Amino acid sequence: MKHLAALAIVLASCVAAPAPSPSTRAPAPTAVRASATTLPSAGLGALTKLADGTLVVGVPDCATATQNGGITGCELLDAAADRGVFVGVLRWSDGTFEARSIDLVTGEMRTLIPKEDLGIALEEVRDEVAILRETDDLGGGNVHVRLRRIPWRDPSKAETLDEIDLIGLGGGDSWNPWPSARTNGQDVVWLHAGGPFAKHQVILLDARGTRQVVTESDKPIWFDLDDGGRVPVAVISSDGATQRFFVSLAGTVHEIATRDASASGYVMSFGDVVGWARGTGTVRPIDGVELFTDTGRGLRVDRPEPGCVFVGRTAKDVVTVCPSGVRLEDVRANTVRDGPPSRVVVAFPRALLWRTAADLAANPMIWRITLL
């Protein structure tokens, strides 16, 4: 995410054309779940490799302690992972923030952003780059954002992608125009907030350094990015009545579908298959993901199994959490397989971050990683 969420509401009218009936998903070939082995409460380094292939990462000098009713030390506030790297944002008890990476092959730890008074949040991590935002809270719901692309192997080559002023941010479940950047390791797409008198713009920066405005609106926008540079977008209409879903690639737009705004949801990309959630996961829980080809042909609606909830997606799966743990629903094969035995999971295109209940009690500053 980064990253992900979950009051029920009856979803109103559906897409303009009748949605295809959900098909029965076949179980995938039996797979062994990752281990829930109890970890030692101390002595773990930055990277530990378990026998089943699960990786365990932590920041040894980041630990919390309760003293006189307050928290001292450091908190691993935000985290993301890809096949080669883990990136974490640390919040220290003095109010400063810091960003670090851990190489998932060597265990080497690097500082991406040194301690600073600005807030730091993770946007996306992929291949050799991490996208982070620095925030300066100006008060009154106004925030200045600096969006940065940082090569995690060589942070000295960091660059600023955008400087954005966010004005009048809402609280609670309000939609706010944060950058919500996505990257495939080469291209980057993000939202540039327009302020009170201008439209928000979805900006695509390609590998050649060319910037393109994918779409603009003064209404809420959701978007994603796939490895081929396709940008699926869902945007509320100017009158607020409907939500339009389309895919943009190299300046060409493929219309996918339209829904009543009361049934709006965010979008996700699986390459030549795109997903449109029924709900946003905040005010409205997601009760299904409608799947289409990237040219607009309807495939089916994936709904969570009984007792399960949607938490995100990988490059090829819709991810749900169930009482027994994580379930991965392959959108192309229409099969379901087991993931880690955890109900605390964050999904990324090529990795899952997860913790067990025992981890939370004994090792709150560590994450387990299952690479996909």
Protein backbone atom coordinates (compact mmCIF):
# COMPACT_ATOMS: atom_id res chain seq x y z
CA MET A 1 0.00 0.00 0.00
CA LYS A 2 0.15 0.72 1.15
CA HIS A 3 -1.57 0.62 1.80
CA LEU A 4 -5.27 -0.99 2.83
CA ALA A 5 -8.45 -1.08 4.79
CA ALA A 6 -12.02 -2.28 5.78
CA LEU A 7 -19.81 -0.67 8.04
CA ALA A 8 -21.73 -2.13 5.51
CA ILE A 9 -23.90 -0.38 2.92
CA VAL A 10 -26.25 -1.84 0.35
CA LEU A 11 -24.60 -1.22 -3.01
CA ALA A 12 -26.85 0.62 -5.38
CA SER A 13 -27.14 0.22 -9.15
CA CYS A 14 -24.43 -1.74 -10.91
CA VAL A 15 -22.59 -1.12 -14.15
CA ALA A 16 -24.43 -0.02 -17.26
CA ALA A 17 -24.42 -3.54 -18.69
CA PRO A 18 -25.47 -6.48 -16.49
CA ALA A 19 -22.52 -7.87 -14.61
CA PRO A 20 -21.46 -11.40 -15.51
CA SER A 21 -22.44 -14.07 -13.06
CA PRO A 22 -19.67 -15.11 -10.70
CA SER A 23 -18.21 -18.44 -11.68
CA THR A 24 -17.26 -21.15 -9.28
CA ARG A 25 -13.60 -20.95 -8.36
CA ALA A 26 -11.62 -24.14 -8.35
CA PRO A 27 -9.13 -24.81 -5.59
CA ALA A 28 -5.55 -24.47 -6.68
CA PRO A 29 -3.17 -27.40 -6.25
CA THR A 30 -2.51 -27.97 -2.58
CA ALA A 31 0.25 -25.75 -1.22
CA VAL A 32 1.91 -25.80 2.15
CA ARG A 33 1.25 -22.68 4.21
CA ALA A 34 4.20 -20.63 5.37
CA SER A 35 5.36 -21.44 8.88
CA ALA A 36 4.00 -19.66 11.93
CA THR A 37 7.12 -20.61 13.88
CA THR A 38 7.46 -18.65 17.11
CA LEU A 39 10.31 -16.19 16.82
CA PRO A 40 12.76 -15.32 19.60
CA SER A 41 11.84 -12.15 21.50
CA ALA A 42 15.38 -10.81 21.10
CA GLY A 43 18.52 -11.32 19.08
CA LEU A 44 17.02 -11.03 15.59
CA GLY A 45 19.10 -9.12 13.06
CA ALA A 46 17.90 -7.04 10.14
CA LEU A 47 17.24 -10.18 8.05
CA THR A 48 16.48 -13.74 9.17
CA LYS A 49 15.69 -16.58 6.77
CA LEU A 50 13.41 -19.34 8.07
CA ALA A 51 13.63 -22.92 6.86
CA ASP A 52 10.40 -22.67 4.81
CA GLY A 53 11.67 -19.68 2.84
CA THR A 54 9.87 -17.03 4.86
CA LEU A 55 11.98 -13.95 5.48
CA VAL A 56 11.85 -12.02 8.76
CA VAL A 57 12.97 -8.39 8.80
CA GLY A 58 13.40 -5.90 11.60
CA VAL A 59 15.35 -2.82 12.58
CA PRO A 60 17.48 -3.87 15.56
CA ASP A 61 18.00 -0.32 16.86
CA CYS A 62 14.28 0.48 16.57
CA ALA A 63 12.45 -0.70 19.69
CA THR A 64 9.67 0.71 21.81
CA ALA A 65 9.36 0.83 25.56
CA THR A 66 6.66 2.21 27.79
CA GLN A 67 7.88 4.62 30.41
CA ASN A 68 5.61 6.63 32.73
CA GLY A 69 2.66 5.97 30.45
CA GLY A 70 4.48 7.16 27.31
CA ILE A 71 6.27 5.40 24.47
CA THR A 72 9.99 5.88 24.12
CA GLY A 73 12.40 4.71 21.46
CA CYS A 74 11.26 3.98 17.93
CA GLU A 75 8.27 2.60 16.05
CA LEU A 76 8.29 0.89 12.65
CA LEU A 77 5.39 2.95 11.38
CA ASP A 78 5.05 2.02 7.72
CA ALA A 79 6.48 -0.77 5.58
CA ALA A 80 6.54 -2.19 2.06
CA ALA A 81 8.34 -5.00 0.27
CA ASP A 82 9.28 -6.22 -3.18
CA ARG A 83 11.30 -9.26 -4.24
CA GLY A 84 14.64 -7.69 -3.45
CA VAL A 85 13.97 -5.15 -0.74
CA PHE A 86 12.06 -4.18 2.38
CA VAL A 87 11.52 -0.49 3.12
CA GLY A 88 10.37 0.85 6.47
CA VAL A 89 9.51 4.25 7.89
CA LEU A 90 10.61 4.81 11.48
CA ARG A 91 9.03 7.27 13.89
CA TRP A 92 11.26 8.16 16.82
CA SER A 93 9.97 9.28 20.21
CA ASP A 94 11.48 12.75 19.67
CA GLY A 95 9.01 13.27 16.81
CA THR A 96 11.44 12.74 13.94
CA PHE A 97 10.98 10.34 11.04
CA GLU A 98 13.46 8.24 9.08
CA ALA A 99 13.29 5.84 6.10
CA ARG A 100 15.50 2.77 5.68
CA SER A 101 15.81 -0.19 3.35
CA ILE A 102 16.93 -3.78 3.96
CA ASP A 103 18.40 -5.79 1.10
CA LEU A 104 16.55 -9.13 1.11
CA VAL A 105 19.58 -10.98 -0.26
CA THR A 106 22.45 -9.60 1.82
CA GLY A 107 20.61 -8.11 4.81
CA GLU A 108 22.41 -4.79 4.29
CA MET A 109 20.55 -1.84 5.76
CA ARG A 110 20.66 1.59 4.14
CA THR A 111 19.29 4.97 5.18
CA LEU A 112 17.04 6.37 2.45
CA ILE A 113 15.96 9.53 4.28
CA PRO A 114 17.89 10.52 7.42
CA LYS A 115 16.07 11.63 10.56
CA GLU A 116 14.04 14.78 9.90
CA ASP A 117 11.16 16.77 11.36
CA LEU A 118 9.00 16.24 8.27
CA GLY A 119 6.56 13.35 8.20
CA ILE A 120 7.48 10.45 5.92
CA ALA A 121 5.11 7.94 4.31
CA LEU A 122 5.67 5.11 1.85
CA GLU A 123 3.91 5.25 -1.50
CA GLU A 124 5.33 2.24 -3.41
CA VAL A 125 8.42 0.03 -3.71
CA ARG A 126 9.33 -1.83 -6.89
CA ASP A 127 12.54 -3.21 -8.34
CA GLU A 128 15.32 -0.69 -7.64
CA VAL A 129 13.21 2.29 -6.52
CA ALA A 130 11.16 3.41 -3.54
CA ILE A 131 8.58 6.18 -3.84
CA LEU A 132 8.11 8.11 -0.60
CA ARG A 133 6.44 11.36 0.36
CA GLU A 134 7.59 13.93 2.87
CA THR A 135 4.86 16.00 4.48
CA ASP A 136 4.97 19.36 6.22
CA ASP A 137 1.78 19.93 8.24
CA LEU A 138 0.94 23.63 7.93
CA GLY A 139 -2.17 23.45 10.14
CA GLY A 140 -5.83 23.93 9.31
CA GLY A 141 -5.94 20.84 7.11
CA ASN A 142 -3.19 22.22 4.84
CA VAL A 143 -0.12 20.10 4.03
CA HIS A 144 2.86 20.55 1.73
CA VAL A 145 3.98 17.30 0.10
CA ARG A 146 7.28 16.47 -1.56
CA LEU A 147 7.12 13.30 -3.66
CA ARG A 148 10.49 11.56 -3.96
CA ARG A 149 11.88 8.68 -6.00
CA ILE A 150 14.84 7.06 -4.25
CA PRO A 151 17.03 4.26 -5.66
CA TRP A 152 17.33 2.12 -2.56
CA ARG A 153 20.78 0.79 -3.52
CA ASP A 154 22.11 4.34 -3.95
CA PRO A 155 20.03 6.89 -2.01
CA SER A 156 22.40 9.68 -3.11
CA LYS A 157 20.63 9.61 -6.49
CA ALA A 158 17.24 10.51 -4.99
CA GLU A 159 15.10 12.93 -6.99
CA THR A 160 12.01 15.01 -6.32
CA LEU A 161 9.11 14.16 -8.63
CA ASP A 162 6.65 16.80 -7.46
CA GLU A 163 5.92 19.49 -4.88
CA ILE A 164 2.23 19.61 -3.99
CA ASP A 165 0.14 21.81 -1.71
CA LEU A 166 -2.89 20.03 -0.26
CA ILE A 167 -5.53 22.42 1.05
CA GLY A 168 -8.46 21.73 3.37
CA LEU A 169 -7.92 18.03 3.92
CA GLY A 170 -10.87 16.25 5.48
CA GLY A 171 -10.79 13.87 8.41
CA GLY A 172 -12.34 10.48 9.06
CA ASP A 173 -13.35 8.64 5.89
CA SER A 174 -13.06 11.69 3.60
CA TRP A 175 -11.36 11.16 0.25
CA ASN A 176 -8.26 13.34 0.09
CA PRO A 177 -6.02 13.98 -2.95
CA TRP A 178 -2.81 12.40 -1.66
CA PRO A 179 -0.34 11.48 -4.43
CA SER A 180 -1.06 7.73 -4.03
CA ALA A 181 1.91 7.07 -6.32
CA ARG A 182 2.36 3.76 -8.14
CA THR A 183 5.44 2.51 -9.94
CA ASN A 184 6.38 -0.55 -11.98
CA GLY A 185 10.07 0.16 -11.44
CA GLN A 186 10.31 2.31 -14.58
CA ASP A 187 7.16 4.43 -14.92
CA VAL A 188 5.54 6.36 -12.08
CA VAL A 189 1.95 7.60 -11.86
CA TRP A 190 0.60 9.89 -9.16
CA LEU A 191 -2.08 12.45 -8.35
CA HIS A 192 -1.18 16.14 -8.35
CA ALA A 193 -3.79 17.90 -6.20
CA GLY A 194 -5.30 20.93 -7.87
CA GLY A 195 -6.28 22.98 -4.85
CA PRO A 196 -9.62 24.76 -4.36
CA PHE A 197 -9.78 26.35 -7.84
CA ALA A 198 -8.04 23.83 -10.10
CA LYS A 199 -8.53 20.21 -11.09
CA HIS A 200 -6.57 17.26 -9.77
CA GLN A 201 -4.32 15.67 -12.39
CA VAL A 202 -3.22 12.05 -12.75
CA ILE A 203 0.36 12.36 -14.03
CA LEU A 204 2.32 9.57 -15.72
CA LEU A 205 6.11 9.87 -15.84
CA ASP A 206 7.51 7.24 -18.20
CA ALA A 207 10.96 5.67 -18.29
CA ARG A 208 12.15 8.28 -20.83
CA GLY A 209 11.28 11.12 -18.48
CA THR A 210 8.21 12.24 -20.44
CA ARG A 211 5.27 13.51 -18.39
CA GLN A 212 1.69 12.99 -19.52
CA VAL A 213 -1.59 14.04 -17.91
CA VAL A 214 -3.72 10.89 -18.00
CA THR A 215 -6.88 12.61 -16.78
CA GLU A 216 -7.98 15.52 -14.61
CA SER A 217 -11.01 16.20 -12.44
CA ASP A 218 -12.11 18.09 -9.34
CA LYS A 219 -13.82 14.88 -8.12
CA PRO A 220 -12.33 11.80 -6.40
CA ILE A 221 -10.02 9.71 -8.60
CA TRP A 222 -8.58 6.21 -8.12
CA PHE A 223 -5.89 4.70 -10.35
CA ASP A 224 -3.23 1.99 -10.65
CA LEU A 225 -0.30 1.07 -12.92
CA ASP A 226 0.81 -2.21 -14.48
CA ASP A 227 4.16 -3.44 -15.79
CA GLY A 228 3.27 -2.45 -19.36
CA GLY A 229 2.47 1.16 -18.48
CA ARG A 230 -1.32 0.78 -18.56
CA VAL A 231 -3.13 3.09 -16.16
CA PRO A 232 -6.62 1.99 -15.08
CA VAL A 233 -8.61 4.95 -13.74
CA ALA A 234 -11.95 5.35 -11.97
CA VAL A 235 -13.26 8.91 -11.64
CA ILE A 236 -16.49 10.39 -10.33
CA SER A 237 -18.45 12.38 -12.95
CA SER A 238 -18.70 16.18 -12.76
CA ASP A 239 -22.30 15.97 -11.48
CA GLY A 240 -21.32 13.37 -8.87
CA ALA A 241 -23.87 10.85 -10.16
CA THR A 242 -21.69 8.16 -11.73
CA GLN A 243 -18.21 6.68 -11.70
CA ARG A 244 -16.40 6.08 -15.00
CA PHE A 245 -13.82 3.29 -15.37
CA PHE A 246 -11.30 3.36 -18.22
CA VAL A 247 -7.76 2.23 -19.06
CA SER A 248 -5.17 4.55 -20.60
CA LEU A 249 -2.11 3.32 -22.51
CA ALA A 250 0.21 5.55 -24.54
CA GLY A 251 -2.49 8.18 -24.94
CA THR A 252 -5.18 5.70 -26.04
CA VAL A 253 -8.23 5.30 -23.81
CA HIS A 254 -10.29 2.11 -23.54
CA GLU A 255 -13.65 2.64 -21.86
CA ILE A 256 -14.47 -0.18 -19.46
CA ALA A 257 -17.78 0.59 -17.69
CA THR A 258 -19.83 3.12 -15.72
CA ARG A 259 -21.55 2.74 -12.36
CA ASP A 260 -23.80 4.72 -10.08
CA ALA A 261 -21.57 6.72 -7.74
CA SER A 262 -23.16 5.08 -4.71
CA ALA A 263 -21.51 1.83 -5.88
CA SER A 264 -18.13 3.39 -6.59
CA GLY A 265 -14.86 1.66 -5.81
CA TYR A 266 -11.15 1.76 -6.41
CA VAL A 267 -9.33 0.04 -9.26
CA MET A 268 -6.51 -2.49 -9.50
CA SER A 269 -4.41 -3.81 -12.35
CA PHE A 270 -3.38 -7.39 -13.12
CA GLY A 271 -1.84 -6.62 -16.52
CA ASP A 272 -4.34 -7.43 -19.26
CA VAL A 273 -7.00 -7.97 -16.58
CA VAL A 274 -8.28 -5.05 -14.50
CA GLY A 275 -10.38 -5.05 -11.36
CA TRP A 276 -13.01 -2.61 -10.10
CA ALA A 277 -13.88 -3.00 -6.43
CA ARG A 278 -17.48 -2.78 -5.28
CA GLY A 279 -16.78 -0.44 -2.39
CA THR A 280 -13.75 1.48 -1.23
CA GLY A 281 -12.94 -0.48 1.91
CA THR A 282 -13.46 2.49 4.23
CA VAL A 283 -17.03 3.81 4.39
CA ARG A 284 -18.21 0.81 2.37
CA PRO A 285 -16.61 -2.60 2.80
CA ILE A 286 -15.61 -4.31 -0.44
CA ASP A 287 -18.11 -7.06 -1.20
CA GLY A 288 -16.61 -8.02 -4.55
CA VAL A 289 -14.18 -7.15 -7.32
CA GLU A 290 -15.56 -6.94 -10.86
CA LEU A 291 -13.01 -8.21 -13.39
CA PHE A 292 -12.63 -7.10 -17.01
CA THR A 293 -10.11 -7.47 -19.80
CA ASP A 294 -8.17 -4.26 -20.41
CA THR A 295 -10.35 -3.68 -23.51
CA GLY A 296 -13.60 -3.79 -21.53
CA ARG A 297 -14.91 -7.35 -21.83
CA GLY A 298 -16.55 -8.41 -18.59
CA LEU A 299 -15.19 -11.58 -17.00
CA ARG A 300 -16.83 -12.15 -13.62
CA VAL A 301 -17.25 -10.81 -10.10
CA ASP A 302 -14.89 -12.25 -7.49
CA ARG A 303 -16.55 -12.24 -4.08
CA PRO A 304 -14.87 -13.10 -0.78
CA GLU A 305 -15.54 -16.49 0.70
CA PRO A 306 -17.83 -16.54 3.78
CA GLY A 307 -16.09 -14.98 6.77
CA CYS A 308 -13.35 -13.43 4.63
CA VAL A 309 -12.59 -9.79 3.74
CA PHE A 310 -10.62 -8.19 0.92
CA VAL A 311 -7.33 -6.58 1.94
CA GLY A 312 -5.55 -5.89 -1.36
CA ARG A 313 -4.00 -7.44 -4.44
CA THR A 314 -0.77 -8.84 -5.81
CA ALA A 315 0.35 -8.76 -9.44
CA LYS A 316 -2.02 -11.65 -10.22
CA ASP A 317 -4.21 -12.24 -7.16
CA VAL A 318 -7.03 -10.69 -5.20
CA VAL A 319 -6.03 -11.09 -1.54
CA THR A 320 -8.50 -11.88 1.24
CA VAL A 321 -8.05 -12.60 4.92
CA CYS A 322 -10.07 -15.42 6.46
CA PRO A 323 -10.23 -16.94 9.96
CA SER A 324 -7.62 -19.51 8.89
CA GLY A 325 -5.31 -16.98 7.27
CA VAL A 326 -4.64 -15.44 3.88
CA ARG A 327 -6.31 -16.62 0.66
CA LEU A 328 -5.00 -15.72 -2.81
CA GLU A 329 -7.51 -15.69 -5.68
CA ASP A 330 -5.77 -15.93 -9.07
CA VAL A 331 -7.76 -13.66 -11.41
CA ARG A 332 -6.72 -15.45 -14.62
CA ALA A 333 -6.88 -19.08 -13.52
CA ASN A 334 -9.94 -18.43 -11.29
CA THR A 335 -8.40 -20.59 -8.56
CA VAL A 336 -7.83 -20.01 -4.85
CA ARG A 337 -4.80 -21.04 -2.82
CA ASP A 338 -3.64 -20.61 0.76
CA GLY A 339 -1.28 -17.84 1.80
CA PRO A 340 0.39 -17.23 5.16
CA PRO A 341 -1.46 -18.29 8.35
CA SER A 342 -2.07 -14.70 9.43
CA ARG A 343 -4.91 -12.20 9.77
CA VAL A 344 -2.49 -9.26 9.73
CA VAL A 345 -1.26 -8.92 6.16
CA VAL A 346 -0.33 -6.18 3.70
CA ALA A 347 -0.25 -7.12 0.02
CA PHE A 348 2.14 -5.83 -2.63
CA PRO A 349 2.54 -6.89 -6.28
CA ARG A 350 5.32 -9.39 -5.55
CA ALA A 351 5.34 -9.85 -1.78
CA LEU A 352 3.16 -10.24 1.30
CA LEU A 353 4.05 -8.66 4.64
CA TRP A 354 2.48 -10.45 7.59
CA ARG A 355 2.61 -11.01 11.33
CA THR A 356 1.21 -13.57 13.74
CA ALA A 357 -0.54 -12.78 17.02
CA ALA A 358 2.58 -13.97 18.82
CA ASP A 359 4.71 -11.62 16.73
CA LEU A 360 2.56 -8.66 17.70
CA ALA A 361 2.92 -9.55 21.37
CA ALA A 362 6.64 -10.31 21.43
CA ASN A 363 8.15 -8.70 18.32
CA PRO A 364 5.99 -5.71 17.30
CA MET A 365 8.83 -4.20 15.25
CA ILE A 366 9.30 -7.15 12.88
CA TRP A 367 7.55 -8.28 9.71
CA ARG A 368 7.53 -11.65 7.99
CA ILE A 369 7.80 -11.61 4.19
CA THR A 370 6.48 -14.18 1.73
CA LEU A 371 7.87 -13.50 -1.75
CA LEU A 372 5.60 -14.26 -4.70
